[in-house]
Every structure is written in structure tokens, then in C-alpha cells.
Amino acid sequence: MVASSPLSPEKIKDGLTTKWLGRTIHFHHTVESTNLLAIKLAQQGAPQGVVVLADQQLSGRGRGRRSWHSPAGVGIYCSIVLRPKTAPEKAQLITLITGVSIVKAVALRTGLSPRVKWPNDVLINGKKVAGILLEGRASGARLEYSVIGFGINVNNGLADLPEDIGVNASSLFMELNKTVDRNALAIEIFLQLERLYHRFQREDFAVILDQWRRNSSTLGQRVRIWQKDKATEGIALDLTEGGGLIVRLEGGKQVIIHAGDVEYLRVL
């Protein structure tokens, strides 16, 4: 483990220039899952912008029932309550704007060049440094609430990464060779996310999609996308207005994928 300054909700709130995001922070040294706590708060009526932040998760959750390794003292594990005024079919865009917000914040704070990988990862030099999980509840044509969670490998050393994923994962410290201030990074992420979420609420979907495209590692790649036991292979062309991935298959047919695990395939 690399020596790292402690997470401090006081320092984060003192440094924030956001209007509503992060103005209330529920900080925990150790939790089972920040998303589960944020969902509970949302169900109890917590307003938009409430943050659950932890120094360690015992059962960090990723997409598709996966776990997110969340050791103490090195990462950012965060979930945010949102109450979007938009149709449920647009909810996936919240994942996209969160990915872009993390990319922008990391670039500004470290000088690194992260990229978003569809649908919910952030990569640096092809290795995963952050994952995003969106959960929520819809009632008819309305979203009651959404909770967007993310885990970032900030000051993890190689020993802080699980052996089975170490070859495909990295951290900001490992890429930069120096520690990163987690409080300053959290402040920047909240600021970037509030700005993009404002666009989302105004239904400026074209702006959001354009920003995602410009930061994407996926578009133009030959991909294999797994949905349960079914694989789809082709070239990732673009996104739909709702954030689905448009893929051109071998014979030229285009399909839209709304969720799945993406592998990048080498073009021989």
C-alpha cells in the first residue's frame, strides 16, 4: 500500500464550488457498499446531490453482480443520489456523463490521458482504473431516483489489486509514479459531474454524446460483446441518443447493444 493522505469530507466540502452536488456527504471509514447506503437514503427521501463516500468497501459492487475490490486508504468509493427529470430510457446517459466527468477530472489533476470504455469503465493505457454502477427505481414514465456509484483506483500499488485482474487493471499512482490527492480529485469529479448533469437535465443529449465520443476508447474498435452466453462481434460505430452502442456486424448489418461486457479484438 502506498502512503496516501486521508479522505476528508471537511476538506472536500471546503473546496467545493458546486451548487448542490456534495453539499451533504455521508462519510464512512468502512461500509459494505456505498451504493446500497445511497439507495437506502434515496428511498428515505434524500435530495439530489447527497453523497455517500467511503475509505473502504467490504462488498463493493460492480455491474452484473461483480465485486469491486475496495481496499482502505487508497481509492475513492462514492455513490451519489440523483433525481433526474427525464424518461427511464435516458438513464444510461448518467453512466456516460459520469465516465466523462472522471476522465476530465483525472486529466486535470494528474495530466494523464484516461479514456472511457463503453459502457461503464475508465481506462488508462488500456488498463481499468475506474468502474461505474448505475442503479435506481422507475415508476411508469418517470425515474423516482437514480444512484450513480463509482470506484477509482487512485493510490493503489500492485499489491492492492486482486491477482486475477492485476494484469488488466491499474491505478493513477501506478501510471503516474506518484501519489494523487484523493480529496482534490473528488472535488474535481463533483464539479465536472454537476456541469454535465446540468446538460443532461436540459436534455442537451447531443453535447453529452459528443463529449463521450471525443473521450472514447471504444468507437472504431473491433469488439466482442458478451450478453450472458451470447457474443456479438463487429466494429463499434457510434452511440444512439440513449447511449446504446451501434455495432456493424461482419455482413454489414448494424445492431444496437444496450448492455454487455466488451472485449477489444486485435485486427489481424
C-alpha atoms as a PDB file:
ATOM      1  CA  MET A   1       0.000   0.000   0.000  1.00  0.00           C
ATOM      2  CA  VAL A   2       1.230   3.483  -0.912  1.00  0.00           C
ATOM      3  CA  ALA A   3       1.149   6.203   1.754  1.00  0.00           C
ATOM      4  CA  SER A   4      -1.778   8.464   0.943  1.00  0.00           C
ATOM      5  CA  SER A   5      -3.433  11.468   2.567  1.00  0.00           C
ATOM      6  CA  PRO A   6      -6.704  10.518   4.270  1.00  0.00           C
ATOM      7  CA  LEU A   7     -10.081  11.202   2.711  1.00  0.00           C
ATOM      8  CA  SER A   8     -11.680  14.158   4.447  1.00  0.00           C
ATOM      9  CA  PRO A   9     -15.304  15.187   3.877  1.00  0.00           C
ATOM     10  CA  GLU A  10     -14.482  18.516   5.550  1.00  0.00           C
ATOM     11  CA  LYS A  11     -11.688  19.260   3.065  1.00  0.00           C
ATOM     12  CA  ILE A  12     -13.908  18.200   0.164  1.00  0.00           C
ATOM     13  CA  LYS A  13     -16.810  20.425   1.236  1.00  0.00           C
ATOM     14  CA  ASP A  14     -14.448  23.352   1.912  1.00  0.00           C
ATOM     15  CA  GLY A  15     -13.065  23.052  -1.617  1.00  0.00           C
ATOM     16  CA  LEU A  16     -16.345  22.575  -3.460  1.00  0.00           C
ATOM     17  CA  THR A  17     -17.739  25.202  -5.800  1.00  0.00           C
ATOM     18  CA  THR A  18     -20.744  23.092  -6.808  1.00  0.00           C
ATOM     19  CA  LYS A  19     -24.265  24.371  -6.219  1.00  0.00           C
ATOM     20  CA  TRP A  20     -25.829  21.142  -4.942  1.00  0.00           C
ATOM     21  CA  LEU A  21     -23.649  18.093  -5.579  1.00  0.00           C
ATOM     22  CA  GLY A  22     -21.715  17.019  -2.492  1.00  0.00           C
ATOM     23  CA  ARG A  23     -23.153  19.641  -0.179  1.00  0.00           C
ATOM     24  CA  THR A  24     -24.191  16.750   2.081  1.00  0.00           C
ATOM     25  CA  ILE A  25     -21.622  13.965   2.438  1.00  0.00           C
ATOM     26  CA  HIS A  26     -22.187  10.804   4.462  1.00  0.00           C
ATOM     27  CA  PHE A  27     -18.632   9.636   5.100  1.00  0.00           C
ATOM     28  CA  HIS A  28     -17.756   6.173   6.421  1.00  0.00           C
ATOM     29  CA  HIS A  29     -14.352   4.667   7.076  1.00  0.00           C
ATOM     30  CA  THR A  30     -15.738   1.217   6.218  1.00  0.00           C
ATOM     31  CA  VAL A  31     -19.027   0.172   4.586  1.00  0.00           C
ATOM     32  CA  GLU A  32     -20.383  -2.872   2.839  1.00  0.00           C
ATOM     33  CA  SER A  33     -21.349  -0.853  -0.257  1.00  0.00           C
ATOM     34  CA  THR A  34     -21.762   2.879  -0.869  1.00  0.00           C
ATOM     35  CA  ASN A  35     -24.442   2.181  -3.491  1.00  0.00           C
ATOM     36  CA  LEU A  36     -26.557   0.206  -1.035  1.00  0.00           C
ATOM     37  CA  LEU A  37     -26.356   3.027   1.504  1.00  0.00           C
ATOM     38  CA  ALA A  38     -27.189   5.658  -1.123  1.00  0.00           C
ATOM     39  CA  ILE A  39     -30.189   3.632  -2.321  1.00  0.00           C
ATOM     40  CA  LYS A  40     -31.450   3.459   1.249  1.00  0.00           C
ATOM     41  CA  LEU A  41     -31.078   7.224   1.611  1.00  0.00           C
ATOM     42  CA  ALA A  42     -32.850   7.787  -1.712  1.00  0.00           C
ATOM     43  CA  GLN A  43     -35.749   5.605  -0.599  1.00  0.00           C
ATOM     44  CA  GLN A  44     -35.950   7.685   2.589  1.00  0.00           C
ATOM     45  CA  GLY A  45     -36.291  10.870   0.543  1.00  0.00           C
ATOM     46  CA  ALA A  46     -32.709  12.153   0.376  1.00  0.00           C
ATOM     47  CA  PRO A  47     -32.445  15.090  -2.036  1.00  0.00           C
ATOM     48  CA  GLN A  48     -30.439  15.161  -5.211  1.00  0.00           C
ATOM     49  CA  GLY A  49     -26.719  15.577  -4.695  1.00  0.00           C
ATOM     50  CA  VAL A  50     -26.352  13.672  -1.423  1.00  0.00           C
ATOM     51  CA  VAL A  51     -23.074  11.751  -1.475  1.00  0.00           C
ATOM     52  CA  VAL A  52     -22.037   8.547   0.268  1.00  0.00           C
ATOM     53  CA  LEU A  53     -18.240   8.343   0.446  1.00  0.00           C
ATOM     54  CA  ALA A  54     -16.122   5.585   1.980  1.00  0.00           C
ATOM     55  CA  ASP A  55     -12.456   4.872   2.570  1.00  0.00           C
ATOM     56  CA  GLN A  56     -13.072   1.128   2.247  1.00  0.00           C
ATOM     57  CA  GLN A  57     -15.831  -1.160   0.985  1.00  0.00           C
ATOM     58  CA  LEU A  58     -16.160  -4.720   2.218  1.00  0.00           C
ATOM     59  CA  SER A  59     -18.560  -5.737  -0.549  1.00  0.00           C
ATOM     60  CA  GLY A  60     -18.033  -3.182  -3.283  1.00  0.00           C
ATOM     61  CA  ARG A  61     -20.341  -3.852  -6.203  1.00  0.00           C
ATOM     62  CA  GLY A  62     -19.783  -3.692  -9.934  1.00  0.00           C
ATOM     63  CA  ARG A  63     -22.111  -4.229 -12.853  1.00  0.00           C
ATOM     64  CA  GLY A  64     -23.602  -7.689 -13.350  1.00  0.00           C
ATOM     65  CA  ARG A  65     -23.195  -8.802  -9.713  1.00  0.00           C
ATOM     66  CA  ARG A  66     -19.432  -8.439  -9.887  1.00  0.00           C
ATOM     67  CA  SER A  67     -17.395  -7.177  -6.960  1.00  0.00           C
ATOM     68  CA  TRP A  68     -15.157  -4.103  -6.874  1.00  0.00           C
ATOM     69  CA  HIS A  69     -12.032  -4.576  -4.799  1.00  0.00           C
ATOM     70  CA  SER A  70     -12.005  -1.595  -2.417  1.00  0.00           C
ATOM     71  CA  PRO A  71      -9.015  -1.609  -0.041  1.00  0.00           C
ATOM     72  CA  ALA A  72      -8.679   1.058   2.646  1.00  0.00           C
ATOM     73  CA  GLY A  73      -6.614   4.191   2.276  1.00  0.00           C
ATOM     74  CA  VAL A  74      -6.001   4.205  -1.470  1.00  0.00           C
ATOM     75  CA  GLY A  75      -9.179   4.622  -3.527  1.00  0.00           C
ATOM     76  CA  ILE A  76     -12.304   6.706  -3.946  1.00  0.00           C
ATOM     77  CA  TYR A  77     -15.549   4.785  -3.407  1.00  0.00           C
ATOM     78  CA  CYS A  78     -18.526   7.043  -3.889  1.00  0.00           C
ATOM     79  CA  SER A  79     -22.255   6.975  -4.648  1.00  0.00           C
ATOM     80  CA  ILE A  80     -24.499   9.937  -5.420  1.00  0.00           C
ATOM     81  CA  VAL A  81     -28.282  10.284  -5.133  1.00  0.00           C
ATOM     82  CA  LEU A  82     -29.841  11.814  -8.249  1.00  0.00           C
ATOM     83  CA  ARG A  83     -33.446  12.592  -9.096  1.00  0.00           C
ATOM     84  CA  PRO A  84     -33.442  13.022 -12.873  1.00  0.00           C
ATOM     85  CA  LYS A  85     -36.379  14.690 -14.579  1.00  0.00           C
ATOM     86  CA  THR A  86     -36.196  12.547 -17.654  1.00  0.00           C
ATOM     87  CA  ALA A  87     -37.529   9.306 -19.106  1.00  0.00           C
ATOM     88  CA  PRO A  88     -36.129   5.994 -17.803  1.00  0.00           C
ATOM     89  CA  GLU A  89     -34.773   5.104 -21.238  1.00  0.00           C
ATOM     90  CA  LYS A  90     -32.312   8.009 -20.939  1.00  0.00           C
ATOM     91  CA  ALA A  91     -30.903   6.779 -17.622  1.00  0.00           C
ATOM     92  CA  GLN A  92     -27.902   5.105 -19.257  1.00  0.00           C
ATOM     93  CA  LEU A  93     -26.630   8.561 -20.178  1.00  0.00           C
ATOM     94  CA  ILE A  94     -25.938   9.124 -16.460  1.00  0.00           C
ATOM     95  CA  THR A  95     -23.311   6.376 -16.665  1.00  0.00           C
ATOM     96  CA  LEU A  96     -21.781   8.059 -19.702  1.00  0.00           C
ATOM     97  CA  ILE A  97     -21.592  11.522 -18.144  1.00  0.00           C
ATOM     98  CA  THR A  98     -20.054  10.050 -15.001  1.00  0.00           C
ATOM     99  CA  GLY A  99     -17.359   8.359 -17.070  1.00  0.00           C
ATOM    100  CA  VAL A 100     -16.586  11.586 -18.935  1.00  0.00           C
ATOM    101  CA  SER A 101     -16.532  13.531 -15.648  1.00  0.00           C
ATOM    102  CA  ILE A 102     -13.981  11.132 -14.155  1.00  0.00           C
ATOM    103  CA  VAL A 103     -11.857  11.320 -17.319  1.00  0.00           C
ATOM    104  CA  LYS A 104     -11.858  15.133 -17.270  1.00  0.00           C
ATOM    105  CA  ALA A 105     -11.115  15.326 -13.552  1.00  0.00           C
ATOM    106  CA  VAL A 106      -8.252  12.827 -13.717  1.00  0.00           C
ATOM    107  CA  ALA A 107      -6.740  14.611 -16.728  1.00  0.00           C
ATOM    108  CA  LEU A 108      -6.921  17.999 -14.986  1.00  0.00           C
ATOM    109  CA  ARG A 109      -5.487  16.758 -11.687  1.00  0.00           C
ATOM    110  CA  THR A 110      -2.788  14.422 -12.996  1.00  0.00           C
ATOM    111  CA  GLY A 111      -2.016  15.208 -16.632  1.00  0.00           C
ATOM    112  CA  LEU A 112      -2.799  11.575 -17.527  1.00  0.00           C
ATOM    113  CA  SER A 113      -4.944  10.735 -20.561  1.00  0.00           C
ATOM    114  CA  PRO A 114      -7.749   8.400 -19.459  1.00  0.00           C
ATOM    115  CA  ARG A 115     -10.429   7.160 -21.846  1.00  0.00           C
ATOM    116  CA  VAL A 116     -13.977   5.897 -21.424  1.00  0.00           C
ATOM    117  CA  LYS A 117     -14.756   2.336 -22.411  1.00  0.00           C
ATOM    118  CA  TRP A 118     -18.403   1.589 -23.161  1.00  0.00           C
ATOM    119  CA  PRO A 119     -20.497   1.163 -21.118  1.00  0.00           C
ATOM    120  CA  ASN A 120     -19.032   1.856 -17.673  1.00  0.00           C
ATOM    121  CA  ASP A 121     -15.232   1.757 -17.392  1.00  0.00           C
ATOM    122  CA  VAL A 122     -12.386   4.265 -17.397  1.00  0.00           C
ATOM    123  CA  LEU A 123      -9.048   3.107 -18.802  1.00  0.00           C
ATOM    124  CA  ILE A 124      -5.508   4.436 -18.838  1.00  0.00           C
ATOM    125  CA  ASN A 125      -3.111   2.840 -21.318  1.00  0.00           C
ATOM    126  CA  GLY A 126      -5.731   0.134 -21.881  1.00  0.00           C
ATOM    127  CA  LYS A 127      -5.987  -0.802 -18.204  1.00  0.00           C
ATOM    128  CA  LYS A 128      -9.019  -0.278 -15.993  1.00  0.00           C
ATOM    129  CA  VAL A 129      -8.696   2.341 -13.270  1.00  0.00           C
ATOM    130  CA  ALA A 130     -12.367   3.053 -12.559  1.00  0.00           C
ATOM    131  CA  GLY A 131     -15.751   1.376 -12.781  1.00  0.00           C
ATOM    132  CA  ILE A 132     -19.249   2.843 -12.641  1.00  0.00           C
ATOM    133  CA  LEU A 133     -22.529   1.339 -11.434  1.00  0.00           C
ATOM    134  CA  LEU A 134     -25.957   2.905 -12.041  1.00  0.00           C
ATOM    135  CA  GLU A 135     -28.986   1.728 -10.088  1.00  0.00           C
ATOM    136  CA  GLY A 136     -32.396   3.240  -9.496  1.00  0.00           C
ATOM    137  CA  ARG A 137     -36.141   2.934  -9.492  1.00  0.00           C
ATOM    138  CA  ALA A 138     -38.646   3.970 -12.147  1.00  0.00           C
ATOM    139  CA  SER A 139     -42.364   4.496 -11.788  1.00  0.00           C
ATOM    140  CA  GLY A 140     -44.057   4.345 -15.164  1.00  0.00           C
ATOM    141  CA  ALA A 141     -42.514   7.000 -17.396  1.00  0.00           C
ATOM    142  CA  ARG A 142     -40.665   8.671 -14.528  1.00  0.00           C
ATOM    143  CA  LEU A 143     -37.450   7.960 -12.675  1.00  0.00           C
ATOM    144  CA  GLU A 144     -38.064   8.126  -8.932  1.00  0.00           C
ATOM    145  CA  TYR A 145     -34.352   8.208  -8.232  1.00  0.00           C
ATOM    146  CA  SER A 146     -31.010   7.094  -9.610  1.00  0.00           C
ATOM    147  CA  VAL A 147     -27.869   6.252  -7.686  1.00  0.00           C
ATOM    148  CA  ILE A 148     -24.605   6.528  -9.574  1.00  0.00           C
ATOM    149  CA  GLY A 149     -21.670   4.822  -7.917  1.00  0.00           C
ATOM    150  CA  PHE A 150     -18.028   4.722  -8.904  1.00  0.00           C
ATOM    151  CA  GLY A 151     -14.823   3.206  -7.628  1.00  0.00           C
ATOM    152  CA  ILE A 152     -11.437   4.617  -8.624  1.00  0.00           C
ATOM    153  CA  ASN A 153      -8.033   3.029  -8.105  1.00  0.00           C
ATOM    154  CA  VAL A 154      -6.143   6.142  -7.030  1.00  0.00           C
ATOM    155  CA  ASN A 155      -3.067   5.302  -4.940  1.00  0.00           C
ATOM    156  CA  ASN A 156      -3.221   1.518  -5.212  1.00  0.00           C
ATOM    157  CA  GLY A 157       0.043  -0.318  -5.576  1.00  0.00           C
ATOM    158  CA  LEU A 158       0.211  -3.636  -7.401  1.00  0.00           C
ATOM    159  CA  ALA A 159      -0.320  -5.473  -4.103  1.00  0.00           C
ATOM    160  CA  ASP A 160      -3.629  -3.620  -3.659  1.00  0.00           C
ATOM    161  CA  LEU A 161      -5.072  -5.129  -6.846  1.00  0.00           C
ATOM    162  CA  PRO A 162      -6.532  -8.658  -6.932  1.00  0.00           C
ATOM    163  CA  GLU A 163      -4.161 -11.140  -8.546  1.00  0.00           C
ATOM    164  CA  ASP A 164      -6.780 -12.318 -11.039  1.00  0.00           C
ATOM    165  CA  ILE A 165      -7.292  -8.826 -12.526  1.00  0.00           C
ATOM    166  CA  GLY A 166      -3.939  -7.174 -11.877  1.00  0.00           C
ATOM    167  CA  VAL A 167      -2.780  -7.624 -15.461  1.00  0.00           C
ATOM    168  CA  ASN A 168      -5.848  -5.747 -16.776  1.00  0.00           C
ATOM    169  CA  ALA A 169      -6.099  -3.105 -14.038  1.00  0.00           C
ATOM    170  CA  SER A 170      -4.006  -0.190 -12.889  1.00  0.00           C
ATOM    171  CA  SER A 171      -4.176   2.893 -10.677  1.00  0.00           C
ATOM    172  CA  LEU A 172      -3.392   6.575 -11.033  1.00  0.00           C
ATOM    173  CA  PHE A 173      -0.340   6.068  -8.814  1.00  0.00           C
ATOM    174  CA  MET A 174       0.943   3.193 -10.934  1.00  0.00           C
ATOM    175  CA  GLU A 175       0.541   5.225 -14.129  1.00  0.00           C
ATOM    176  CA  LEU A 176       1.911   8.466 -12.692  1.00  0.00           C
ATOM    177  CA  ASN A 177       4.535   7.061 -10.285  1.00  0.00           C
ATOM    178  CA  LYS A 178       3.435   9.454  -7.550  1.00  0.00           C
ATOM    179  CA  THR A 179       0.503   9.726  -5.181  1.00  0.00           C
ATOM    180  CA  VAL A 180      -2.630  11.709  -6.012  1.00  0.00           C
ATOM    181  CA  ASP A 181      -4.612  13.845  -3.569  1.00  0.00           C
ATOM    182  CA  ARG A 182      -7.903  11.975  -3.260  1.00  0.00           C
ATOM    183  CA  ASN A 183      -9.746  14.945  -1.787  1.00  0.00           C
ATOM    184  CA  ALA A 184      -8.756  17.254  -4.645  1.00  0.00           C
ATOM    185  CA  LEU A 185      -9.713  14.600  -7.181  1.00  0.00           C
ATOM    186  CA  ALA A 186     -13.131  14.057  -5.577  1.00  0.00           C
ATOM    187  CA  ILE A 187     -13.761  17.831  -5.634  1.00  0.00           C
ATOM    188  CA  GLU A 188     -12.950  17.982  -9.344  1.00  0.00           C
ATOM    189  CA  ILE A 189     -15.129  14.976 -10.174  1.00  0.00           C
ATOM    190  CA  PHE A 190     -18.115  16.506  -8.364  1.00  0.00           C
ATOM    191  CA  LEU A 191     -17.653  19.776 -10.229  1.00  0.00           C
ATOM    192  CA  GLN A 192     -17.379  18.117 -13.645  1.00  0.00           C
ATOM    193  CA  LEU A 193     -20.321  15.841 -12.938  1.00  0.00           C
ATOM    194  CA  GLU A 194     -22.598  18.669 -11.812  1.00  0.00           C
ATOM    195  CA  ARG A 195     -21.820  20.584 -15.013  1.00  0.00           C
ATOM    196  CA  LEU A 196     -22.554  17.642 -17.288  1.00  0.00           C
ATOM    197  CA  TYR A 197     -25.610  16.586 -15.299  1.00  0.00           C
ATOM    198  CA  HIS A 198     -26.997  20.099 -15.797  1.00  0.00           C
ATOM    199  CA  ARG A 199     -26.703  19.452 -19.550  1.00  0.00           C
ATOM    200  CA  PHE A 200     -28.486  16.149 -19.054  1.00  0.00           C
ATOM    201  CA  GLN A 201     -31.364  17.827 -17.225  1.00  0.00           C
ATOM    202  CA  ARG A 202     -31.651  20.378 -20.042  1.00  0.00           C
ATOM    203  CA  GLU A 203     -31.778  17.425 -22.486  1.00  0.00           C
ATOM    204  CA  ASP A 204     -28.619  18.569 -24.246  1.00  0.00           C
ATOM    205  CA  PHE A 205     -28.050  14.951 -25.191  1.00  0.00           C
ATOM    206  CA  ALA A 206     -26.082  15.769 -28.350  1.00  0.00           C
ATOM    207  CA  VAL A 207     -23.474  17.661 -26.290  1.00  0.00           C
ATOM    208  CA  ILE A 208     -23.171  14.759 -23.835  1.00  0.00           C
ATOM    209  CA  LEU A 209     -22.775  12.178 -26.584  1.00  0.00           C
ATOM    210  CA  ASP A 210     -20.205  14.328 -28.392  1.00  0.00           C
ATOM    211  CA  GLN A 211     -18.101  14.654 -25.236  1.00  0.00           C
ATOM    212  CA  TRP A 212     -18.261  10.892 -24.684  1.00  0.00           C
ATOM    213  CA  ARG A 213     -17.248  10.217 -28.298  1.00  0.00           C
ATOM    214  CA  ARG A 214     -14.231  12.525 -28.004  1.00  0.00           C
ATOM    215  CA  ASN A 215     -13.030  10.655 -24.913  1.00  0.00           C
ATOM    216  CA  SER A 216     -13.866   7.139 -26.107  1.00  0.00           C
ATOM    217  CA  SER A 217     -11.540   4.181 -26.457  1.00  0.00           C
ATOM    218  CA  THR A 218     -14.362   2.051 -27.913  1.00  0.00           C
ATOM    219  CA  LEU A 219     -15.547   3.681 -31.130  1.00  0.00           C
ATOM    220  CA  GLY A 220     -13.801   2.417 -34.237  1.00  0.00           C
ATOM    221  CA  GLN A 221     -12.582  -0.709 -32.447  1.00  0.00           C
ATOM    222  CA  ARG A 222     -13.332  -4.284 -33.398  1.00  0.00           C
ATOM    223  CA  VAL A 223     -15.209  -5.596 -30.380  1.00  0.00           C
ATOM    224  CA  ARG A 224     -16.737  -8.727 -28.948  1.00  0.00           C
ATOM    225  CA  ILE A 225     -19.673  -8.004 -26.633  1.00  0.00           C
ATOM    226  CA  TRP A 226     -20.892 -10.668 -24.241  1.00  0.00           C
ATOM    227  CA  GLN A 227     -24.533 -10.699 -23.131  1.00  0.00           C
ATOM    228  CA  LYS A 228     -24.919 -13.691 -20.819  1.00  0.00           C
ATOM    229  CA  ASP A 229     -23.632 -16.539 -23.023  1.00  0.00           C
ATOM    230  CA  LYS A 230     -24.169 -14.782 -26.345  1.00  0.00           C
ATOM    231  CA  ALA A 231     -21.357 -12.937 -28.106  1.00  0.00           C
ATOM    232  CA  THR A 232     -21.718 -10.236 -30.758  1.00  0.00           C
ATOM    233  CA  GLU A 233     -18.680  -9.273 -32.839  1.00  0.00           C
ATOM    234  CA  GLY A 234     -18.206  -6.298 -35.099  1.00  0.00           C
ATOM    235  CA  ILE A 235     -16.968  -2.712 -35.345  1.00  0.00           C
ATOM    236  CA  ALA A 236     -18.200  -0.230 -32.739  1.00  0.00           C
ATOM    237  CA  LEU A 237     -19.526   2.638 -34.831  1.00  0.00           C
ATOM    238  CA  ASP A 238     -21.358   5.105 -32.638  1.00  0.00           C
ATOM    239  CA  LEU A 239     -23.857   5.669 -29.827  1.00  0.00           C
ATOM    240  CA  THR A 240     -27.613   6.042 -30.018  1.00  0.00           C
ATOM    241  CA  GLU A 241     -29.287   9.050 -28.394  1.00  0.00           C
ATOM    242  CA  GLY A 242     -29.964   6.867 -25.359  1.00  0.00           C
ATOM    243  CA  GLY A 243     -26.374   5.655 -25.027  1.00  0.00           C
ATOM    244  CA  GLY A 244     -26.683   2.285 -26.744  1.00  0.00           C
ATOM    245  CA  LEU A 245     -23.704   1.063 -28.779  1.00  0.00           C
ATOM    246  CA  ILE A 246     -24.170   0.740 -32.545  1.00  0.00           C
ATOM    247  CA  VAL A 247     -22.150  -2.196 -33.899  1.00  0.00           C
ATOM    248  CA  ARG A 248     -21.638  -3.154 -37.541  1.00  0.00           C
ATOM    249  CA  LEU A 249     -21.565  -6.930 -37.944  1.00  0.00           C
ATOM    250  CA  GLU A 250     -19.459  -8.885 -40.432  1.00  0.00           C
ATOM    251  CA  GLY A 251     -22.092  -8.818 -43.184  1.00  0.00           C
ATOM    252  CA  GLY A 252     -22.723  -5.093 -42.820  1.00  0.00           C
ATOM    253  CA  LYS A 253     -25.858  -5.275 -40.681  1.00  0.00           C
ATOM    254  CA  GLN A 254     -25.984  -2.812 -37.803  1.00  0.00           C
ATOM    255  CA  VAL A 255     -27.272  -3.747 -34.354  1.00  0.00           C
ATOM    256  CA  ILE A 256     -27.766  -1.763 -31.145  1.00  0.00           C
ATOM    257  CA  ILE A 257     -26.363  -3.148 -27.899  1.00  0.00           C
ATOM    258  CA  HIS A 258     -27.753  -1.697 -24.679  1.00  0.00           C
ATOM    259  CA  ALA A 259     -25.576  -3.580 -22.156  1.00  0.00           C
ATOM    260  CA  GLY A 260     -22.787  -6.127 -22.144  1.00  0.00           C
ATOM    261  CA  ASP A 261     -19.132  -6.864 -21.469  1.00  0.00           C
ATOM    262  CA  VAL A 262     -16.853  -5.521 -24.173  1.00  0.00           C
ATOM    263  CA  GLU A 263     -13.583  -7.077 -25.324  1.00  0.00           C
ATOM    264  CA  TYR A 264     -11.329  -5.263 -27.763  1.00  0.00           C
ATOM    265  CA  LEU A 265     -10.205  -7.590 -30.542  1.00  0.00           C
ATOM    266  CA  ARG A 266      -6.984  -7.214 -32.473  1.00  0.00           C
ATOM    267  CA  VAL A 267      -7.336  -6.627 -36.194  1.00  0.00           C
ATOM    268  CA  LEU A 268      -5.014  -9.144 -37.832  1.00  0.00           C
END
